[in-house]
C-alpha atoms as a PDB file:
ATOM      1  CA  MET A   1      21.867   7.617 -23.620  1.00  0.00           C
ATOM      2  CA  ALA A   2      18.444   8.730 -25.751  1.00  0.00           C
ATOM      3  CA  ASN A   3      18.572  10.481 -28.872  1.00  0.00           C
ATOM      4  CA  LEU A   4      14.955  10.623 -29.992  1.00  0.00           C
ATOM      5  CA  LYS A   5      12.864  13.224 -28.649  1.00  0.00           C
ATOM      6  CA  SER A   6      10.212  10.956 -27.699  1.00  0.00           C
ATOM      7  CA  SER A   7      13.036   9.025 -25.994  1.00  0.00           C
ATOM      8  CA  LYS A   8      13.866  11.443 -23.669  1.00  0.00           C
ATOM      9  CA  THR A   9      10.245  12.504 -23.041  1.00  0.00           C
ATOM     10  CA  ARG A  10       9.705   8.856 -21.971  1.00  0.00           C
ATOM     11  CA  VAL A  11      13.290   9.048 -19.898  1.00  0.00           C
ATOM     12  CA  LYS A  12      12.012  11.938 -17.800  1.00  0.00           C
ATOM     13  CA  ARG A  13       8.325  10.565 -17.560  1.00  0.00           C
ATOM     14  CA  ASN A  14       9.627   7.126 -16.317  1.00  0.00           C
ATOM     15  CA  LYS A  15      11.699   9.170 -13.682  1.00  0.00           C
ATOM     16  CA  LYS A  16       8.470  10.932 -12.321  1.00  0.00           C
ATOM     17  CA  ARG A  17       6.724   7.748 -12.426  1.00  0.00           C
ATOM     18  CA  GLU A  18       9.242   6.327 -10.351  1.00  0.00           C
ATOM     19  CA  VAL A  19       9.423   8.671  -7.741  1.00  0.00           C
ATOM     20  CA  ILE A  20       5.438   8.864  -7.474  1.00  0.00           C
ATOM     21  CA  ASN A  21       5.351   4.930  -7.628  1.00  0.00           C
ATOM     22  CA  SER A  22       7.897   4.521  -4.656  1.00  0.00           C
ATOM     23  CA  ASN A  23       6.049   7.305  -2.479  1.00  0.00           C
ATOM     24  CA  ARG A  24       2.994   5.411  -3.075  1.00  0.00           C
ATOM     25  CA  LEU A  25       4.390   1.975  -2.005  1.00  0.00           C
ATOM     26  CA  ASN A  26       6.474   3.752   0.812  1.00  0.00           C
ATOM     27  CA  ALA A  27       3.133   5.109   2.422  1.00  0.00           C
ATOM     28  CA  VAL A  28       1.546   1.615   1.800  1.00  0.00           C
ATOM     29  CA  ARG A  29       4.024  -0.372   3.405  1.00  0.00           C
ATOM     30  CA  THR A  30       3.710   2.217   6.450  1.00  0.00           C
ATOM     31  CA  ASP A  31       0.014   1.905   6.720  1.00  0.00           C
ATOM     32  CA  VAL A  32       0.431  -1.806   6.820  1.00  0.00           C
ATOM     33  CA  LYS A  33       2.963  -1.327   9.746  1.00  0.00           C
ATOM     34  CA  LYS A  34       0.702   0.613  11.828  1.00  0.00           C
ATOM     35  CA  VAL A  35      -2.003  -1.898  11.155  1.00  0.00           C
ATOM     36  CA  ARG A  36       0.226  -4.827  12.481  1.00  0.00           C
ATOM     37  CA  ALA A  37       1.758  -2.771  15.393  1.00  0.00           C
ATOM     38  CA  ALA A  38      -1.814  -1.885  16.628  1.00  0.00           C
ATOM     39  CA  ILE A  39      -2.828  -5.426  16.132  1.00  0.00           C
ATOM     40  CA  ALA A  40       0.308  -6.656  18.269  1.00  0.00           C
ATOM     41  CA  LYS A  41      -0.461  -4.063  20.983  1.00  0.00           C
ATOM     42  CA  LYS A  42      -3.969  -5.688  21.045  1.00  0.00           C
ATOM     43  CA  ASP A  43      -5.613  -1.862  20.170  1.00  0.00           C
ATOM     44  CA  LYS A  44      -8.842  -3.110  18.843  1.00  0.00           C
ATOM     45  CA  ALA A  45      -9.938   0.395  18.061  1.00  0.00           C
ATOM     46  CA  GLU A  46      -6.733   1.782  16.790  1.00  0.00           C
ATOM     47  CA  ALA A  47      -6.021  -1.342  14.695  1.00  0.00           C
ATOM     48  CA  GLU A  48      -9.555  -1.197  13.084  1.00  0.00           C
ATOM     49  CA  LYS A  49      -8.777   2.766  12.273  1.00  0.00           C
ATOM     50  CA  ALA A  50      -5.571   1.996  10.659  1.00  0.00           C
ATOM     51  CA  PHE A  51      -7.101  -1.015   8.861  1.00  0.00           C
ATOM     52  CA  LYS A  52      -9.385   1.361   7.093  1.00  0.00           C
ATOM     53  CA  LYS A  53      -6.382   3.761   5.972  1.00  0.00           C
ATOM     54  CA  ALA A  54      -4.459   0.297   4.814  1.00  0.00           C
ATOM     55  CA  GLU A  55      -7.440  -0.552   2.861  1.00  0.00           C
ATOM     56  CA  SER A  56      -7.690   2.664   1.369  1.00  0.00           C
ATOM     57  CA  SER A  57      -4.413   3.075   0.258  1.00  0.00           C
ATOM     58  CA  LEU A  58      -3.912  -0.590  -0.465  1.00  0.00           C
ATOM     59  CA  ALA A  59      -6.739  -0.210  -2.934  1.00  0.00           C
ATOM     60  CA  ARG A  60      -5.310   2.607  -4.408  1.00  0.00           C
ATOM     61  CA  ALA A  61      -2.118   1.559  -5.466  1.00  0.00           C
ATOM     62  CA  LYS A  62      -3.819  -1.294  -6.920  1.00  0.00           C
ATOM     63  CA  SER A  63      -6.116   0.911  -9.165  1.00  0.00           C
ATOM     64  CA  LYS A  64      -2.909   2.702 -10.090  1.00  0.00           C
ATOM     65  CA  ARG A  65      -1.496  -0.414 -10.944  1.00  0.00           C
ATOM     66  CA  THR A  66       1.757   0.237  -8.156  1.00  0.00           C
ATOM     67  CA  ILE A  67       0.822  -3.202  -7.029  1.00  0.00           C
ATOM     68  CA  LYS A  68      -0.346  -6.298  -8.004  1.00  0.00           C
ATOM     69  CA  ALA A  69      -4.244  -6.864  -7.533  1.00  0.00           C
ATOM     70  CA  ASN A  70      -3.870 -10.103  -5.758  1.00  0.00           C
ATOM     71  CA  THR A  71      -1.132  -8.671  -3.796  1.00  0.00           C
ATOM     72  CA  ALA A  72      -3.433  -6.135  -2.297  1.00  0.00           C
ATOM     73  CA  ALA A  73      -6.044  -8.736  -2.049  1.00  0.00           C
ATOM     74  CA  ARG A  74      -3.823 -10.834  -0.332  1.00  0.00           C
ATOM     75  CA  LEU A  75      -2.609  -8.330   2.094  1.00  0.00           C
ATOM     76  CA  VAL A  76      -6.164  -6.798   3.026  1.00  0.00           C
ATOM     77  CA  SER A  77      -7.229 -10.469   3.641  1.00  0.00           C
ATOM     78  CA  LYS A  78      -4.331 -11.426   6.260  1.00  0.00           C
ATOM     79  CA  LEU A  79      -4.758  -8.188   8.014  1.00  0.00           C
ATOM     80  CA  ALA A  80      -8.489  -8.151   8.262  1.00  0.00           C
ATOM     81  CA  LYS A  81      -7.974 -12.019   9.416  1.00  0.00           C
ATOM     82  CA  ALA A  82      -5.426 -10.854  11.835  1.00  0.00           C
ATOM     83  CA  LEU A  83      -7.912  -7.965  13.091  1.00  0.00           C
ATOM     84  CA  LYS A  84     -10.614 -10.263  13.455  1.00  0.00           C
ATOM     85  CA  ALA A  85      -8.704 -12.447  15.737  1.00  0.00           C
ATOM     86  CA  ILE A  86      -8.505  -9.831  18.408  1.00  0.00           C
ATOM     87  CA  ALA A  87     -11.828  -8.727  17.963  1.00  0.00           C
ATOM     88  CA  GLY A  88     -12.869 -12.524  18.911  1.00  0.00           C
ATOM     89  CA  LYS A  89     -10.845 -12.172  22.014  1.00  0.00           C
END
């Protein structure tokens, strides 16, 4: 258990950040899932709309350092590639 005042403050702050980060990460995962579901249904309009939202939430999570920059870039790239594949058909 933390004894110093600064240590106690740090523990409280870390708990708050953990909640914020887990909520943000869950939102990103949900947005990515929605894009993949729309792509699976081959619904181009819905997929593009969901992709835009997912890309935005990935960028925000990256800027807040919830996820690594390369992970965000990789996910956006894969989703864009899949979206382009259904757009071509």
